């Protein structure tokens, strides 16, 4: 994914992703859903930070929802 300046963000599209409201119960979310429901609503700086944090293996919280790469 690229920002409005055509700068490539950390690629998380190949990873299985999940989301949680309470950090106990996690449910799958596809990259496409994440892109359409979450990332498109973030400004470029927030999207860069989101992708960088998630790609590092850490969860990222937006409002009441946490997102992370799915752990096996």
PDB file of N, CA and C in Angstrom:
ATOM      1  N   UNK A   1       0.845  -1.166   0.000  1.00  0.00           N
ATOM      2  CA  UNK A   1       0.000   0.000   0.000  1.00  0.00           C
ATOM      3  C   UNK A   1       0.897   1.239   0.000  1.00  0.00           C
ATOM      4  N   UNK A   2       0.498   2.251  -0.773  1.00  0.00           N
ATOM      5  CA  UNK A   2       1.268   3.486  -0.855  1.00  0.00           C
ATOM      6  C   UNK A   2       0.429   4.653  -0.337  1.00  0.00           C
ATOM      7  N   UNK A   3       1.120   5.647   0.216  1.00  0.00           N
ATOM      8  CA  UNK A   3       0.414   6.830   0.690  1.00  0.00           C
ATOM      9  C   UNK A   3       0.226   7.815  -0.467  1.00  0.00           C
ATOM     10  N   UNK A   4      -0.334   8.973  -0.154  1.00  0.00           N
ATOM     11  CA  UNK A   4      -0.623   9.949  -1.211  1.00  0.00           C
ATOM     12  C   UNK A   4       0.634  10.508  -1.866  1.00  0.00           C
ATOM     13  N   UNK A   5       1.781  10.322  -1.232  1.00  0.00           N
ATOM     14  CA  UNK A   5       3.051  10.763  -1.805  1.00  0.00           C
ATOM     15  C   UNK A   5       3.761   9.628  -2.540  1.00  0.00           C
ATOM     16  N   UNK A   6       3.050   8.520  -2.715  1.00  0.00           N
ATOM     17  CA  UNK A   6       3.553   7.344  -3.420  1.00  0.00           C
ATOM     18  C   UNK A   6       4.683   6.651  -2.647  1.00  0.00           C
ATOM     19  N   UNK A   7       4.682   6.814  -1.329  1.00  0.00           N
ATOM     20  CA  UNK A   7       5.670   6.159  -0.475  1.00  0.00           C
ATOM     21  C   UNK A   7       5.093   4.839   0.002  1.00  0.00           C
ATOM     22  N   UNK A   8       5.843   3.785  -0.171  1.00  0.00           N
ATOM     23  CA  UNK A   8       5.398   2.446   0.204  1.00  0.00           C
ATOM     24  C   UNK A   8       5.378   2.297   1.728  1.00  0.00           C
ATOM     25  N   UNK A   9       4.277   1.760   2.249  1.00  0.00           N
ATOM     26  CA  UNK A   9       4.166   1.475   3.676  1.00  0.00           C
ATOM     27  C   UNK A   9       4.593   0.038   3.933  1.00  0.00           C
ATOM     28  N   UNK A  10       4.832  -0.295   5.193  1.00  0.00           N
ATOM     29  CA  UNK A  10       5.152  -1.680   5.551  1.00  0.00           C
ATOM     30  C   UNK A  10       4.051  -2.584   5.004  1.00  0.00           C
ATOM     31  N   UNK A  11       4.429  -3.646   4.342  1.00  0.00           N
ATOM     32  CA  UNK A  11       3.451  -4.549   3.739  1.00  0.00           C
ATOM     33  C   UNK A  11       2.983  -5.585   4.754  1.00  0.00           C
ATOM     34  N   UNK A  12       1.704  -5.554   5.081  1.00  0.00           N
ATOM     35  CA  UNK A  12       1.132  -6.548   5.992  1.00  0.00           C
ATOM     36  C   UNK A  12       0.109  -7.421   5.267  1.00  0.00           C
ATOM     37  N   UNK A  13      -0.002  -7.245   3.949  1.00  0.00           N
ATOM     38  CA  UNK A  13      -1.045  -7.938   3.182  1.00  0.00           C
ATOM     39  C   UNK A  13      -0.868  -9.451   3.123  1.00  0.00           C
ATOM     40  N   UNK A  14       0.326  -9.949   3.304  1.00  0.00           N
ATOM     41  CA  UNK A  14       0.554 -11.392   3.190  1.00  0.00           C
ATOM     42  C   UNK A  14       0.383 -12.141   4.511  1.00  0.00           C
ATOM     43  N   UNK A  15       0.142 -11.407   5.581  1.00  0.00           N
ATOM     44  CA  UNK A  15       0.011 -12.025   6.900  1.00  0.00           C
ATOM     45  C   UNK A  15      -1.450 -12.273   7.253  1.00  0.00           C
ATOM     46  N   UNK A  16      -1.727 -13.380   7.966  1.00  0.00           N
ATOM     47  CA  UNK A  16      -3.081 -13.553   8.497  1.00  0.00           C
ATOM     48  C   UNK A  16      -3.265 -12.565   9.648  1.00  0.00           C
ATOM     49  N   UNK A  17      -4.363 -11.842   9.638  1.00  0.00           N
ATOM     50  CA  UNK A  17      -4.601 -10.788  10.623  1.00  0.00           C
ATOM     51  C   UNK A  17      -5.806 -11.128  11.487  1.00  0.00           C
ATOM     52  N   UNK A  18      -5.844 -10.535  12.661  1.00  0.00           N
ATOM     53  CA  UNK A  18      -6.978 -10.728  13.551  1.00  0.00           C
ATOM     54  C   UNK A  18      -7.241  -9.462  14.346  1.00  0.00           C
ATOM     55  N   UNK A  19      -8.445  -9.399  14.902  1.00  0.00           N
ATOM     56  CA  UNK A  19      -8.866  -8.239  15.678  1.00  0.00           C
ATOM     57  C   UNK A  19      -9.541  -8.692  16.961  1.00  0.00           C
ATOM     58  N   UNK A  20      -9.542  -7.811  17.953  1.00  0.00           N
ATOM     59  CA  UNK A  20     -10.134  -8.149  19.254  1.00  0.00           C
ATOM     60  C   UNK A  20     -10.637  -6.880  19.928  1.00  0.00           C
ATOM     61  N   UNK A  21     -11.701  -7.045  20.700  1.00  0.00           N
ATOM     62  CA  UNK A  21     -12.224  -5.940  21.507  1.00  0.00           C
ATOM     63  C   UNK A  21     -11.715  -6.015  22.943  1.00  0.00           C
ATOM     64  N   UNK A  22     -11.263  -7.203  23.370  1.00  0.00           N
ATOM     65  CA  UNK A  22     -10.904  -7.384  24.778  1.00  0.00           C
ATOM     66  C   UNK A  22      -9.546  -8.045  25.011  1.00  0.00           C
ATOM     67  N   UNK A  23      -8.807  -8.323  23.966  1.00  0.00           N
ATOM     68  CA  UNK A  23      -7.497  -8.961  24.024  1.00  0.00           C
ATOM     69  C   UNK A  23      -7.567 -10.433  24.424  1.00  0.00           C
ATOM     70  N   UNK A  24      -8.762 -10.954  24.682  1.00  0.00           N
ATOM     71  CA  UNK A  24      -8.914 -12.368  25.014  1.00  0.00           C
ATOM     72  C   UNK A  24      -9.464 -13.159  23.838  1.00  0.00           C
ATOM     73  N   UNK A  25     -10.497 -12.647  23.205  1.00  0.00           N
ATOM     74  CA  UNK A  25     -11.115 -13.314  22.064  1.00  0.00           C
ATOM     75  C   UNK A  25     -10.685 -12.598  20.788  1.00  0.00           C
ATOM     76  N   UNK A  26     -10.023 -13.326  19.899  1.00  0.00           N
ATOM     77  CA  UNK A  26      -9.547 -12.772  18.639  1.00  0.00           C
ATOM     78  C   UNK A  26     -10.308 -13.391  17.482  1.00  0.00           C
ATOM     79  N   UNK A  27     -10.658 -12.592  16.495  1.00  0.00           N
ATOM     80  CA  UNK A  27     -11.332 -13.096  15.300  1.00  0.00           C
ATOM     81  C   UNK A  27     -10.563 -12.665  14.059  1.00  0.00           C
ATOM     82  N   UNK A  28     -10.611 -13.496  13.044  1.00  0.00           N
ATOM     83  CA  UNK A  28      -9.891 -13.229  11.803  1.00  0.00           C
ATOM     84  C   UNK A  28     -10.474 -12.009  11.092  1.00  0.00           C
ATOM     85  N   UNK A  29      -9.601 -11.279  10.451  1.00  0.00           N
ATOM     86  CA  UNK A  29     -10.002 -10.187   9.562  1.00  0.00           C
ATOM     87  C   UNK A  29      -9.059 -10.249   8.367  1.00  0.00           C
ATOM     88  N   UNK A  30      -9.614 -10.196   7.176  1.00  0.00           N
ATOM     89  CA  UNK A  30      -8.772 -10.253   5.982  1.00  0.00           C
ATOM     90  C   UNK A  30      -8.112  -8.892   5.762  1.00  0.00           C
ATOM     91  N   UNK A  31      -7.035  -8.904   5.017  1.00  0.00           N
ATOM     92  CA  UNK A  31      -6.357  -7.644   4.706  1.00  0.00           C
ATOM     93  C   UNK A  31      -7.303  -6.724   3.940  1.00  0.00           C
ATOM     94  N   UNK A  32      -8.090  -7.299   3.048  1.00  0.00           N
ATOM     95  CA  UNK A  32      -9.033  -6.493   2.261  1.00  0.00           C
ATOM     96  C   UNK A  32     -10.062  -5.811   3.164  1.00  0.00           C
ATOM     97  N   UNK A  33     -10.596  -6.544   4.143  1.00  0.00           N
ATOM     98  CA  UNK A  33     -11.529  -5.946   5.102  1.00  0.00           C
ATOM     99  C   UNK A  33     -10.850  -4.839   5.906  1.00  0.00           C
ATOM    100  N   UNK A  34      -9.636  -5.116   6.357  1.00  0.00           N
ATOM    101  CA  UNK A  34      -8.873  -4.127   7.117  1.00  0.00           C
ATOM    102  C   UNK A  34      -8.654  -2.870   6.284  1.00  0.00           C
ATOM    103  N   UNK A  35      -8.305  -3.059   5.041  1.00  0.00           N
ATOM    104  CA  UNK A  35      -8.070  -1.937   4.143  1.00  0.00           C
ATOM    105  C   UNK A  35      -9.341  -1.105   3.963  1.00  0.00           C
ATOM    106  N   UNK A  36     -10.467  -1.771   3.698  1.00  0.00           N
ATOM    107  CA  UNK A  36     -11.722  -1.075   3.418  1.00  0.00           C
ATOM    108  C   UNK A  36     -12.367  -0.480   4.666  1.00  0.00           C
ATOM    109  N   UNK A  37     -12.239  -1.153   5.812  1.00  0.00           N
ATOM    110  CA  UNK A  37     -12.942  -0.723   7.016  1.00  0.00           C
ATOM    111  C   UNK A  37     -12.092   0.139   7.943  1.00  0.00           C
ATOM    112  N   UNK A  38     -10.777   0.001   7.883  1.00  0.00           N
ATOM    113  CA  UNK A  38      -9.923   0.671   8.859  1.00  0.00           C
ATOM    114  C   UNK A  38      -8.907   1.594   8.195  1.00  0.00           C
ATOM    115  N   UNK A  39      -8.043   1.042   7.386  1.00  0.00           N
ATOM    116  CA  UNK A  39      -6.914   1.811   6.861  1.00  0.00           C
ATOM    117  C   UNK A  39      -7.327   2.985   5.986  1.00  0.00           C
ATOM    118  N   UNK A  40      -8.405   2.832   5.233  1.00  0.00           N
ATOM    119  CA  UNK A  40      -8.816   3.933   4.355  1.00  0.00           C
ATOM    120  C   UNK A  40      -9.302   5.149   5.149  1.00  0.00           C
ATOM    121  N   UNK A  41      -9.658   4.946   6.423  1.00  0.00           N
ATOM    122  CA  UNK A  41     -10.148   6.035   7.262  1.00  0.00           C
ATOM    123  C   UNK A  41      -9.043   6.724   8.060  1.00  0.00           C
ATOM    124  N   UNK A  42      -7.823   6.230   7.944  1.00  0.00           N
ATOM    125  CA  UNK A  42      -6.695   6.815   8.677  1.00  0.00           C
ATOM    126  C   UNK A  42      -5.955   7.807   7.792  1.00  0.00           C
ATOM    127  N   UNK A  43      -5.378   8.825   8.417  1.00  0.00           N
ATOM    128  CA  UNK A  43      -4.515   9.701   7.618  1.00  0.00           C
ATOM    129  C   UNK A  43      -3.205   8.946   7.363  1.00  0.00           C
ATOM    130  N   UNK A  44      -2.376   9.483   6.495  1.00  0.00           N
ATOM    131  CA  UNK A  44      -1.161   8.772   6.084  1.00  0.00           C
ATOM    132  C   UNK A  44      -0.231   8.452   7.255  1.00  0.00           C
ATOM    133  N   UNK A  45      -0.062   9.396   8.165  1.00  0.00           N
ATOM    134  CA  UNK A  45       0.818   9.153   9.310  1.00  0.00           C
ATOM    135  C   UNK A  45       0.301   8.013  10.177  1.00  0.00           C
ATOM    136  N   UNK A  46      -0.992   8.006  10.451  1.00  0.00           N
ATOM    137  CA  UNK A  46      -1.577   6.939  11.255  1.00  0.00           C
ATOM    138  C   UNK A  46      -1.460   5.591  10.550  1.00  0.00           C
ATOM    139  N   UNK A  47      -1.698   5.571   9.240  1.00  0.00           N
ATOM    140  CA  UNK A  47      -1.606   4.322   8.476  1.00  0.00           C
ATOM    141  C   UNK A  47      -0.178   3.790   8.481  1.00  0.00           C
ATOM    142  N   UNK A  48       0.817   4.670   8.331  1.00  0.00           N
ATOM    143  CA  UNK A  48       2.221   4.254   8.394  1.00  0.00           C
ATOM    144  C   UNK A  48       2.526   3.626   9.753  1.00  0.00           C
ATOM    145  N   UNK A  49       2.108   4.299  10.815  1.00  0.00           N
ATOM    146  CA  UNK A  49       2.366   3.788  12.164  1.00  0.00           C
ATOM    147  C   UNK A  49       1.648   2.464  12.378  1.00  0.00           C
ATOM    148  N   UNK A  50       0.384   2.376  11.965  1.00  0.00           N
ATOM    149  CA  UNK A  50      -0.380   1.145  12.101  1.00  0.00           C
ATOM    150  C   UNK A  50       0.356  -0.020  11.447  1.00  0.00           C
ATOM    151  N   UNK A  51       0.719   0.139  10.182  1.00  0.00           N
ATOM    152  CA  UNK A  51       1.388  -0.945   9.444  1.00  0.00           C
ATOM    153  C   UNK A  51       2.739  -1.297  10.056  1.00  0.00           C
ATOM    154  N   UNK A  52       3.488  -0.295  10.488  1.00  0.00           N
ATOM    155  CA  UNK A  52       4.809  -0.545  11.078  1.00  0.00           C
ATOM    156  C   UNK A  52       4.680  -1.317  12.390  1.00  0.00           C
ATOM    157  N   UNK A  53       3.745  -0.916  13.242  1.00  0.00           N
ATOM    158  CA  UNK A  53       3.569  -1.595  14.533  1.00  0.00           C
ATOM    159  C   UNK A  53       3.075  -3.018  14.335  1.00  0.00           C
ATOM    160  N   UNK A  54       2.064  -3.207  13.505  1.00  0.00           N
ATOM    161  CA  UNK A  54       1.522  -4.550  13.272  1.00  0.00           C
ATOM    162  C   UNK A  54       2.583  -5.442  12.636  1.00  0.00           C
ATOM    163  N   UNK A  55       3.329  -4.913  11.677  1.00  0.00           N
ATOM    164  CA  UNK A  55       4.379  -5.689  11.010  1.00  0.00           C
ATOM    165  C   UNK A  55       5.472  -6.115  12.002  1.00  0.00           C
ATOM    166  N   UNK A  56       5.684  -5.322  13.044  1.00  0.00           N
ATOM    167  CA  UNK A  56       6.710  -5.657  14.040  1.00  0.00           C
ATOM    168  C   UNK A  56       6.265  -6.797  14.957  1.00  0.00           C
ATOM    169  N   UNK A  57       4.983  -7.159  14.882  1.00  0.00           N
ATOM    170  CA  UNK A  57       4.467  -8.246  15.712  1.00  0.00           C
ATOM    171  C   UNK A  57       3.697  -7.771  16.927  1.00  0.00           C
ATOM    172  N   UNK A  58       3.597  -6.483  17.099  1.00  0.00           N
ATOM    173  CA  UNK A  58       2.868  -5.930  18.239  1.00  0.00           C
ATOM    174  C   UNK A  58       1.419  -5.648  17.856  1.00  0.00           C
ATOM    175  N   UNK A  59       0.520  -5.706  18.819  1.00  0.00           N
ATOM    176  CA  UNK A  59      -0.861  -5.309  18.524  1.00  0.00           C
ATOM    177  C   UNK A  59      -0.962  -3.785  18.433  1.00  0.00           C
ATOM    178  N   UNK A  60      -1.923  -3.316  17.673  1.00  0.00           N
ATOM    179  CA  UNK A  60      -2.159  -1.887  17.522  1.00  0.00           C
ATOM    180  C   UNK A  60      -3.610  -1.621  17.847  1.00  0.00           C
ATOM    181  N   UNK A  61      -3.877  -0.632  18.691  1.00  0.00           N
ATOM    182  CA  UNK A  61      -5.246  -0.324  19.095  1.00  0.00           C
ATOM    183  C   UNK A  61      -5.741   0.938  18.408  1.00  0.00           C
ATOM    184  N   UNK A  62      -6.914   0.813  17.794  1.00  0.00           N
ATOM    185  CA  UNK A  62      -7.633   1.944  17.231  1.00  0.00           C
ATOM    186  C   UNK A  62      -9.007   1.965  17.889  1.00  0.00           C
ATOM    187  N   UNK A  63      -9.282   3.022  18.616  1.00  0.00           N
ATOM    188  CA  UNK A  63     -10.515   3.135  19.399  1.00  0.00           C
ATOM    189  C   UNK A  63     -10.600   1.940  20.330  1.00  0.00           C
ATOM    190  N   UNK A  64     -11.655   1.117  20.236  1.00  0.00           N
ATOM    191  CA  UNK A  64     -11.792  -0.030  21.146  1.00  0.00           C
ATOM    192  C   UNK A  64     -11.294  -1.346  20.556  1.00  0.00           C
ATOM    193  N   UNK A  65     -10.727  -1.320  19.367  1.00  0.00           N
ATOM    194  CA  UNK A  65     -10.347  -2.560  18.694  1.00  0.00           C
ATOM    195  C   UNK A  65      -8.832  -2.678  18.567  1.00  0.00           C
ATOM    196  N   UNK A  66      -8.344  -3.871  18.867  1.00  0.00           N
ATOM    197  CA  UNK A  66      -6.925  -4.198  18.705  1.00  0.00           C
ATOM    198  C   UNK A  66      -6.748  -5.009  17.428  1.00  0.00           C
ATOM    199  N   UNK A  67      -5.641  -4.806  16.750  1.00  0.00           N
ATOM    200  CA  UNK A  67      -5.315  -5.543  15.525  1.00  0.00           C
ATOM    201  C   UNK A  67      -3.916  -6.092  15.652  1.00  0.00           C
ATOM    202  N   UNK A  68      -3.703  -7.287  15.098  1.00  0.00           N
ATOM    203  CA  UNK A  68      -2.371  -7.879  15.125  1.00  0.00           C
ATOM    204  C   UNK A  68      -2.257  -8.953  14.052  1.00  0.00           C
ATOM    205  N   UNK A  69      -1.013  -9.395  13.832  1.00  0.00           N
ATOM    206  CA  UNK A  69      -0.777 -10.560  12.978  1.00  0.00           C
ATOM    207  C   UNK A  69      -1.181 -11.769  13.791  1.00  0.00           C
ATOM    208  N   UNK A  70      -1.874 -12.681  13.168  1.00  0.00           N
ATOM    209  CA  UNK A  70      -2.378 -13.873  13.845  1.00  0.00           C
ATOM    210  C   UNK A  70      -1.224 -14.752  14.320  1.00  0.00           C
ATOM    211  N   UNK A  71      -1.271 -15.132  15.591  1.00  0.00           N
ATOM    212  CA  UNK A  71      -0.276 -16.037  16.147  1.00  0.00           C
ATOM    213  C   UNK A  71      -0.751 -17.465  15.978  1.00  0.00           C
ATOM    214  N   UNK A  72       0.161 -18.332  15.612  1.00  0.00           N
ATOM    215  CA  UNK A  72      -0.223 -19.745  15.426  1.00  0.00           C
ATOM    216  C   UNK A  72      -0.043 -20.532  16.679  1.00  0.00           C
TER     217      UNK A  72
END
